[in-house]
PDB file of N, CA and C in Angstrom:
ATOM      1  N   MET A   1     -52.865 -38.587   3.806  1.00  0.00           N
ATOM      2  CA  MET A   1     -52.888 -37.228   3.312  1.00  0.00           C
ATOM      3  C   MET A   1     -51.539 -36.585   3.618  1.00  0.00           C
ATOM      4  N   MET A   2     -51.053 -35.754   2.697  1.00  0.00           N
ATOM      5  CA  MET A   2     -49.758 -35.105   2.887  1.00  0.00           C
ATOM      6  C   MET A   2     -49.874 -33.926   3.837  1.00  0.00           C
ATOM      7  N   LYS A   3     -48.851 -33.790   4.606  1.00  0.00           N
ATOM      8  CA  LYS A   3     -48.782 -32.672   5.528  1.00  0.00           C
ATOM      9  C   LYS A   3     -48.246 -31.465   4.765  1.00  0.00           C
ATOM     10  N   SER A   4     -48.881 -30.349   4.888  1.00  0.00           N
ATOM     11  CA  SER A   4     -48.407 -29.171   4.151  1.00  0.00           C
ATOM     12  C   SER A   4     -47.252 -28.519   4.902  1.00  0.00           C
ATOM     13  N   ILE A   5     -46.310 -28.030   4.124  1.00  0.00           N
ATOM     14  CA  ILE A   5     -45.146 -27.349   4.695  1.00  0.00           C
ATOM     15  C   ILE A   5     -45.392 -25.853   4.575  1.00  0.00           C
ATOM     16  N   SER A   6     -45.234 -25.184   5.671  1.00  0.00           N
ATOM     17  CA  SER A   6     -45.501 -23.754   5.657  1.00  0.00           C
ATOM     18  C   SER A   6     -44.370 -22.997   4.960  1.00  0.00           C
ATOM     19  N   ALA A   7     -44.694 -21.856   4.466  1.00  0.00           N
ATOM     20  CA  ALA A   7     -43.714 -21.013   3.784  1.00  0.00           C
ATOM     21  C   ALA A   7     -42.621 -20.581   4.764  1.00  0.00           C
ATOM     22  N   TRP A   8     -42.999 -20.448   6.030  1.00  0.00           N
ATOM     23  CA  TRP A   8     -42.013 -20.053   7.045  1.00  0.00           C
ATOM     24  C   TRP A   8     -40.919 -21.106   7.194  1.00  0.00           C
ATOM     25  N   LYS A   9     -41.284 -22.376   7.204  1.00  0.00           N
ATOM     26  CA  LYS A   9     -40.307 -23.462   7.317  1.00  0.00           C
ATOM     27  C   LYS A   9     -39.393 -23.498   6.093  1.00  0.00           C
ATOM     28  N   VAL A  10     -39.969 -23.308   4.929  1.00  0.00           N
ATOM     29  CA  VAL A  10     -39.175 -23.298   3.701  1.00  0.00           C
ATOM     30  C   VAL A  10     -38.184 -22.146   3.739  1.00  0.00           C
ATOM     31  N   MET A  11     -38.632 -20.990   4.182  1.00  0.00           N
ATOM     32  CA  MET A  11     -37.748 -19.833   4.252  1.00  0.00           C
ATOM     33  C   MET A  11     -36.630 -20.068   5.271  1.00  0.00           C
ATOM     34  N   GLN A  12     -36.910 -20.720   6.376  1.00  0.00           N
ATOM     35  CA  GLN A  12     -35.876 -21.030   7.361  1.00  0.00           C
ATOM     36  C   GLN A  12     -34.816 -21.949   6.768  1.00  0.00           C
ATOM     37  N   VAL A  13     -35.240 -22.961   6.039  1.00  0.00           N
ATOM     38  CA  VAL A  13     -34.292 -23.881   5.416  1.00  0.00           C
ATOM     39  C   VAL A  13     -33.425 -23.151   4.399  1.00  0.00           C
ATOM     40  N   VAL A  14     -34.017 -22.290   3.600  1.00  0.00           N
ATOM     41  CA  VAL A  14     -33.260 -21.533   2.599  1.00  0.00           C
ATOM     42  C   VAL A  14     -32.244 -20.618   3.269  1.00  0.00           C
ATOM     43  N   VAL A  15     -32.639 -19.941   4.330  1.00  0.00           N
ATOM     44  CA  VAL A  15     -31.724 -19.033   5.033  1.00  0.00           C
ATOM     45  C   VAL A  15     -30.587 -19.815   5.678  1.00  0.00           C
ATOM     46  N   LEU A  16     -30.894 -20.956   6.294  1.00  0.00           N
ATOM     47  CA  LEU A  16     -29.841 -21.767   6.902  1.00  0.00           C
ATOM     48  C   LEU A  16     -28.858 -22.295   5.852  1.00  0.00           C
ATOM     49  N   CYS A  17     -29.378 -22.722   4.724  1.00  0.00           N
ATOM     50  CA  CYS A  17     -28.487 -23.178   3.650  1.00  0.00           C
ATOM     51  C   CYS A  17     -27.621 -22.039   3.142  1.00  0.00           C
ATOM     52  N   ALA A  18     -28.207 -20.858   2.989  1.00  0.00           N
ATOM     53  CA  ALA A  18     -27.439 -19.708   2.511  1.00  0.00           C
ATOM     54  C   ALA A  18     -26.358 -19.331   3.525  1.00  0.00           C
ATOM     55  N   LEU A  19     -26.683 -19.377   4.806  1.00  0.00           N
ATOM     56  CA  LEU A  19     -25.695 -19.034   5.824  1.00  0.00           C
ATOM     57  C   LEU A  19     -24.572 -20.059   5.878  1.00  0.00           C
ATOM     58  N   PHE A  20     -24.867 -21.297   5.520  1.00  0.00           N
ATOM     59  CA  PHE A  20     -23.852 -22.339   5.571  1.00  0.00           C
ATOM     60  C   PHE A  20     -22.971 -22.336   4.318  1.00  0.00           C
ATOM     61  N   PHE A  21     -23.577 -22.224   3.145  1.00  0.00           N
ATOM     62  CA  PHE A  21     -22.822 -22.377   1.901  1.00  0.00           C
ATOM     63  C   PHE A  21     -22.184 -21.092   1.394  1.00  0.00           C
ATOM     64  N   VAL A  22     -22.780 -19.944   1.582  1.00  0.00           N
ATOM     65  CA  VAL A  22     -22.241 -18.698   1.038  1.00  0.00           C
ATOM     66  C   VAL A  22     -20.875 -18.356   1.623  1.00  0.00           C
ATOM     67  N   PRO A  23     -20.659 -18.428   2.940  1.00  0.00           N
ATOM     68  CA  PRO A  23     -19.323 -18.103   3.440  1.00  0.00           C
ATOM     69  C   PRO A  23     -18.250 -19.067   2.954  1.00  0.00           C
ATOM     70  N   LEU A  24     -18.606 -20.315   2.686  1.00  0.00           N
ATOM     71  CA  LEU A  24     -17.611 -21.270   2.226  1.00  0.00           C
ATOM     72  C   LEU A  24     -17.144 -20.958   0.811  1.00  0.00           C
ATOM     73  N   GLY A  25     -18.036 -20.477  -0.030  1.00  0.00           N
ATOM     74  CA  GLY A  25     -17.673 -20.265  -1.420  1.00  0.00           C
ATOM     75  C   GLY A  25     -17.278 -18.851  -1.758  1.00  0.00           C
ATOM     76  N   CYS A  26     -17.725 -17.865  -1.023  1.00  0.00           N
ATOM     77  CA  CYS A  26     -17.527 -16.481  -1.427  1.00  0.00           C
ATOM     78  C   CYS A  26     -16.660 -15.665  -0.475  1.00  0.00           C
ATOM     79  N   SER A  27     -16.237 -16.253   0.621  1.00  0.00           N
ATOM     80  CA  SER A  27     -15.553 -15.440   1.619  1.00  0.00           C
ATOM     81  C   SER A  27     -14.100 -15.187   1.283  1.00  0.00           C
ATOM     82  N   SER A  28     -13.460 -16.075   0.526  1.00  0.00           N
ATOM     83  CA  SER A  28     -12.035 -15.903   0.252  1.00  0.00           C
ATOM     84  C   SER A  28     -11.824 -15.371  -1.147  1.00  0.00           C
ATOM     85  N   ARG A  29     -10.642 -14.828  -1.355  1.00  0.00           N
ATOM     86  CA  ARG A  29     -10.281 -14.380  -2.691  1.00  0.00           C
ATOM     87  C   ARG A  29     -10.038 -15.588  -3.568  1.00  0.00           C
ATOM     88  N   SER A  30      -9.949 -15.380  -4.865  1.00  0.00           N
ATOM     89  CA  SER A  30      -9.865 -16.498  -5.792  1.00  0.00           C
ATOM     90  C   SER A  30      -8.560 -17.264  -5.669  1.00  0.00           C
ATOM     91  N   TYR A  31      -7.493 -16.657  -5.146  1.00  0.00           N
ATOM     92  CA  TYR A  31      -6.214 -17.363  -5.087  1.00  0.00           C
ATOM     93  C   TYR A  31      -5.873 -17.866  -3.693  1.00  0.00           C
ATOM     94  N   ASP A  32      -6.760 -17.719  -2.729  1.00  0.00           N
ATOM     95  CA  ASP A  32      -6.514 -18.252  -1.383  1.00  0.00           C
ATOM     96  C   ASP A  32      -6.960 -19.704  -1.308  1.00  0.00           C
ATOM     97  N   GLN A  33      -6.202 -20.502  -0.561  1.00  0.00           N
ATOM     98  CA  GLN A  33      -6.592 -21.872  -0.285  1.00  0.00           C
ATOM     99  C   GLN A  33      -6.460 -22.101   1.208  1.00  0.00           C
ATOM    100  N   MET A  34      -7.110 -23.137   1.683  1.00  0.00           N
ATOM    101  CA  MET A  34      -7.027 -23.429   3.111  1.00  0.00           C
ATOM    102  C   MET A  34      -5.598 -23.799   3.471  1.00  0.00           C
ATOM    103  N   GLY A  35      -5.116 -23.291   4.576  1.00  0.00           N
ATOM    104  CA  GLY A  35      -3.786 -23.630   5.051  1.00  0.00           C
ATOM    105  C   GLY A  35      -2.680 -22.775   4.490  1.00  0.00           C
ATOM    106  N   GLU A  36      -3.008 -21.766   3.720  1.00  0.00           N
ATOM    107  CA  GLU A  36      -1.959 -20.882   3.221  1.00  0.00           C
ATOM    108  C   GLU A  36      -2.364 -19.441   3.479  1.00  0.00           C
ATOM    109  N   THR A  37      -1.353 -18.631   3.720  1.00  0.00           N
ATOM    110  CA  THR A  37      -1.628 -17.229   4.012  1.00  0.00           C
ATOM    111  C   THR A  37      -1.991 -16.504   2.729  1.00  0.00           C
ATOM    112  N   ALA A  38      -2.501 -15.293   2.876  1.00  0.00           N
ATOM    113  CA  ALA A  38      -2.857 -14.491   1.706  1.00  0.00           C
ATOM    114  C   ALA A  38      -1.626 -14.173   0.873  1.00  0.00           C
ATOM    115  N   ALA A  39      -0.486 -13.938   1.536  1.00  0.00           N
ATOM    116  CA  ALA A  39       0.746 -13.632   0.804  1.00  0.00           C
ATOM    117  C   ALA A  39       1.200 -14.841  -0.024  1.00  0.00           C
ATOM    118  N   GLU A  40       1.082 -16.048   0.543  1.00  0.00           N
ATOM    119  CA  GLU A  40       1.461 -17.253  -0.197  1.00  0.00           C
ATOM    120  C   GLU A  40       0.535 -17.480  -1.392  1.00  0.00           C
ATOM    121  N   GLY A  41      -0.750 -17.248  -1.194  1.00  0.00           N
ATOM    122  CA  GLY A  41      -1.701 -17.398  -2.290  1.00  0.00           C
ATOM    123  C   GLY A  41      -1.440 -16.391  -3.394  1.00  0.00           C
ATOM    124  N   HIS A  42      -1.152 -15.152  -2.999  1.00  0.00           N
ATOM    125  CA  HIS A  42      -0.847 -14.107  -3.982  1.00  0.00           C
ATOM    126  C   HIS A  42       0.427 -14.448  -4.747  1.00  0.00           C
ATOM    127  N   ARG A  43       1.438 -14.937  -4.036  1.00  0.00           N
ATOM    128  CA  ARG A  43       2.707 -15.308  -4.670  1.00  0.00           C
ATOM    129  C   ARG A  43       2.496 -16.471  -5.652  1.00  0.00           C
ATOM    130  N   ARG A  44       1.695 -17.457  -5.276  1.00  0.00           N
ATOM    131  CA  ARG A  44       1.406 -18.591  -6.156  1.00  0.00           C
ATOM    132  C   ARG A  44       0.643 -18.141  -7.395  1.00  0.00           C
ATOM    133  N   HIS A  45      -0.301 -17.218  -7.209  1.00  0.00           N
ATOM    134  CA  HIS A  45      -1.084 -16.690  -8.322  1.00  0.00           C
ATOM    135  C   HIS A  45      -0.198 -15.910  -9.288  1.00  0.00           C
ATOM    136  N   LYS A  46       0.668 -15.065  -8.761  1.00  0.00           N
ATOM    137  CA  LYS A  46       1.576 -14.296  -9.619  1.00  0.00           C
ATOM    138  C   LYS A  46       2.537 -15.209 -10.373  1.00  0.00           C
ATOM    139  N   ARG A  47       3.008 -16.278  -9.718  1.00  0.00           N
ATOM    140  CA  ARG A  47       3.915 -17.227 -10.367  1.00  0.00           C
ATOM    141  C   ARG A  47       3.221 -17.928 -11.530  1.00  0.00           C
ATOM    142  N   ALA A  48       1.973 -18.332 -11.335  1.00  0.00           N
ATOM    143  CA  ALA A  48       1.223 -18.994 -12.408  1.00  0.00           C
ATOM    144  C   ALA A  48       1.015 -18.050 -13.588  1.00  0.00           C
ATOM    145  N   LEU A  49       0.702 -16.791 -13.304  1.00  0.00           N
ATOM    146  CA  LEU A  49       0.538 -15.812 -14.386  1.00  0.00           C
ATOM    147  C   LEU A  49       1.846 -15.578 -15.125  1.00  0.00           C
ATOM    148  N   ARG A  50       2.964 -15.496 -14.385  1.00  0.00           N
ATOM    149  CA  ARG A  50       4.278 -15.287 -15.012  1.00  0.00           C
ATOM    150  C   ARG A  50       4.643 -16.463 -15.917  1.00  0.00           C
ATOM    151  N   ILE A  51       4.410 -17.689 -15.446  1.00  0.00           N
ATOM    152  CA  ILE A  51       4.723 -18.871 -16.244  1.00  0.00           C
ATOM    153  C   ILE A  51       3.837 -18.926 -17.484  1.00  0.00           C
ATOM    154  N   ASN A  52       2.565 -18.613 -17.343  1.00  0.00           N
ATOM    155  CA  ASN A  52       1.664 -18.604 -18.499  1.00  0.00           C
ATOM    156  C   ASN A  52       2.117 -17.579 -19.529  1.00  0.00           C
ATOM    157  N   HIS A  53       2.559 -16.411 -19.071  1.00  0.00           N
ATOM    158  CA  HIS A  53       3.046 -15.373 -19.985  1.00  0.00           C
ATOM    159  C   HIS A  53       4.306 -15.840 -20.700  1.00  0.00           C
ATOM    160  N   GLN A  54       5.223 -16.477 -19.986  1.00  0.00           N
ATOM    161  CA  GLN A  54       6.452 -16.977 -20.603  1.00  0.00           C
ATOM    162  C   GLN A  54       6.145 -18.040 -21.659  1.00  0.00           C
ATOM    163  N   GLU A  55       5.223 -18.939 -21.357  1.00  0.00           N
ATOM    164  CA  GLU A  55       4.875 -19.982 -22.315  1.00  0.00           C
ATOM    165  C   GLU A  55       4.198 -19.396 -23.552  1.00  0.00           C
ATOM    166  N   MET A  56       3.355 -18.376 -23.343  1.00  0.00           N
ATOM    167  CA  MET A  56       2.704 -17.739 -24.474  1.00  0.00           C
ATOM    168  C   MET A  56       3.737 -17.048 -25.371  1.00  0.00           C
ATOM    169  N   MET A  57       4.710 -16.363 -24.766  1.00  0.00           N
ATOM    170  CA  MET A  57       5.743 -15.699 -25.560  1.00  0.00           C
ATOM    171  C   MET A  57       6.607 -16.718 -26.295  1.00  0.00           C
ATOM    172  N   GLU A  58       6.858 -17.866 -25.676  1.00  0.00           N
ATOM    173  CA  GLU A  58       7.615 -18.928 -26.339  1.00  0.00           C
ATOM    174  C   GLU A  58       6.851 -19.466 -27.545  1.00  0.00           C
ATOM    175  N   ASP A  59       5.531 -19.606 -27.423  1.00  0.00           N
ATOM    176  CA  ASP A  59       4.714 -20.057 -28.549  1.00  0.00           C
ATOM    177  C   ASP A  59       4.726 -19.035 -29.685  1.00  0.00           C
ATOM    178  N   VAL A  60       4.668 -17.756 -29.351  1.00  0.00           N
ATOM    179  CA  VAL A  60       4.727 -16.704 -30.381  1.00  0.00           C
ATOM    180  C   VAL A  60       6.080 -16.735 -31.079  1.00  0.00           C
ATOM    181  N   ASP A  61       7.162 -16.878 -30.315  1.00  0.00           N
ATOM    182  CA  ASP A  61       8.500 -16.954 -30.918  1.00  0.00           C
ATOM    183  C   ASP A  61       8.618 -18.159 -31.847  1.00  0.00           C
ATOM    184  N   THR A  62       8.062 -19.294 -31.452  1.00  0.00           N
ATOM    185  CA  THR A  62       8.102 -20.483 -32.300  1.00  0.00           C
ATOM    186  C   THR A  62       7.303 -20.260 -33.578  1.00  0.00           C
ATOM    187  N   PHE A  63       6.135 -19.648 -33.472  1.00  0.00           N
ATOM    188  CA  PHE A  63       5.296 -19.374 -34.633  1.00  0.00           C
ATOM    189  C   PHE A  63       6.000 -18.430 -35.608  1.00  0.00           C
ATOM    190  N   MET A  64       6.698 -17.427 -35.079  1.00  0.00           N
ATOM    191  CA  MET A  64       7.379 -16.451 -35.936  1.00  0.00           C
ATOM    192  C   MET A  64       8.800 -16.878 -36.287  1.00  0.00           C
ATOM    193  N   LEU A  65       9.177 -18.106 -35.926  1.00  0.00           N
ATOM    194  CA  LEU A  65      10.492 -18.675 -36.224  1.00  0.00           C
ATOM    195  C   LEU A  65      11.624 -17.861 -35.611  1.00  0.00           C
ATOM    196  N   LEU A  66      11.402 -17.328 -34.428  1.00  0.00           N
ATOM    197  CA  LEU A  66      12.436 -16.555 -33.734  1.00  0.00           C
ATOM    198  C   LEU A  66      13.128 -17.370 -32.656  1.00  0.00           C
ATOM    199  N   ASP A  67      12.784 -18.627 -32.530  1.00  0.00           N
ATOM    200  CA  ASP A  67      13.319 -19.443 -31.443  1.00  0.00           C
ATOM    201  C   ASP A  67      14.649 -20.101 -31.785  1.00  0.00           C
ATOM    202  N   LYS A  68      15.037 -20.109 -33.075  1.00  0.00           N
ATOM    203  CA  LYS A  68      16.299 -20.734 -33.470  1.00  0.00           C
ATOM    204  C   LYS A  68      17.226 -19.676 -34.052  1.00  0.00           C
ATOM    205  N   PRO A  69      18.514 -19.846 -33.855  1.00  0.00           N
ATOM    206  CA  PRO A  69      19.434 -18.862 -34.419  1.00  0.00           C
ATOM    207  C   PRO A  69      19.480 -18.967 -35.948  1.00  0.00           C
ATOM    208  N   SER A  70      19.742 -17.844 -36.580  1.00  0.00           N
ATOM    209  CA  SER A  70      19.860 -17.814 -38.030  1.00  0.00           C
ATOM    210  C   SER A  70      21.177 -18.467 -38.446  1.00  0.00           C
ATOM    211  N   LYS A  71      21.149 -19.211 -39.527  1.00  0.00           N
ATOM    212  CA  LYS A  71      22.361 -19.873 -40.022  1.00  0.00           C
ATOM    213  C   LYS A  71      22.755 -19.297 -41.379  1.00  0.00           C
ATOM    214  N   LEU A  72      22.584 -17.996 -41.521  1.00  0.00           N
ATOM    215  CA  LEU A  72      22.897 -17.369 -42.799  1.00  0.00           C
ATOM    216  C   LEU A  72      24.391 -17.172 -42.994  1.00  0.00           C
ATOM    217  N   THR A  73      25.149 -17.068 -41.930  1.00  0.00           N
ATOM    218  CA  THR A  73      26.586 -16.872 -42.050  1.00  0.00           C
ATOM    219  C   THR A  73      27.301 -17.675 -40.974  1.00  0.00           C
ATOM    220  N   ASP A  74      28.525 -18.059 -41.279  1.00  0.00           N
ATOM    221  CA  ASP A  74      29.301 -18.793 -40.275  1.00  0.00           C
ATOM    222  C   ASP A  74      30.226 -17.858 -39.480  1.00  0.00           C
ATOM    223  N   LYS A  75      30.250 -16.560 -39.842  1.00  0.00           N
ATOM    224  CA  LYS A  75      31.079 -15.575 -39.136  1.00  0.00           C
ATOM    225  C   LYS A  75      30.272 -14.964 -37.996  1.00  0.00           C
ATOM    226  N   ARG A  76      30.939 -14.741 -36.879  1.00  0.00           N
ATOM    227  CA  ARG A  76      30.289 -14.056 -35.761  1.00  0.00           C
ATOM    228  C   ARG A  76      30.277 -12.566 -36.013  1.00  0.00           C
ATOM    229  N   ILE A  77      29.161 -11.971 -35.837  1.00  0.00           N
ATOM    230  CA  ILE A  77      29.038 -10.529 -36.013  1.00  0.00           C
ATOM    231  C   ILE A  77      28.905  -9.927 -34.620  1.00  0.00           C
ATOM    232  N   PRO A  78      29.773  -8.945 -34.321  1.00  0.00           N
ATOM    233  CA  PRO A  78      29.715  -8.368 -32.961  1.00  0.00           C
ATOM    234  C   PRO A  78      28.456  -7.576 -32.695  1.00  0.00           C
TER     235      PRO A  78
END
């Protein structure tokens, strides 16, 4: 015959799991990693955003044909 598990035991297991897993996943900001300070994480996050913005602008320039110089004249215009 199976031994019944009380609701109290189930609740204890759930609380222990929540206490163990929640701080690991939710305690840090999205750009923090282990072994780096908050300033380093923020700097890395800003760098990634800046590079993504530059690449997006480069794609827009390529789409609008603004990435190559015009060859309409051979004279330099000041």
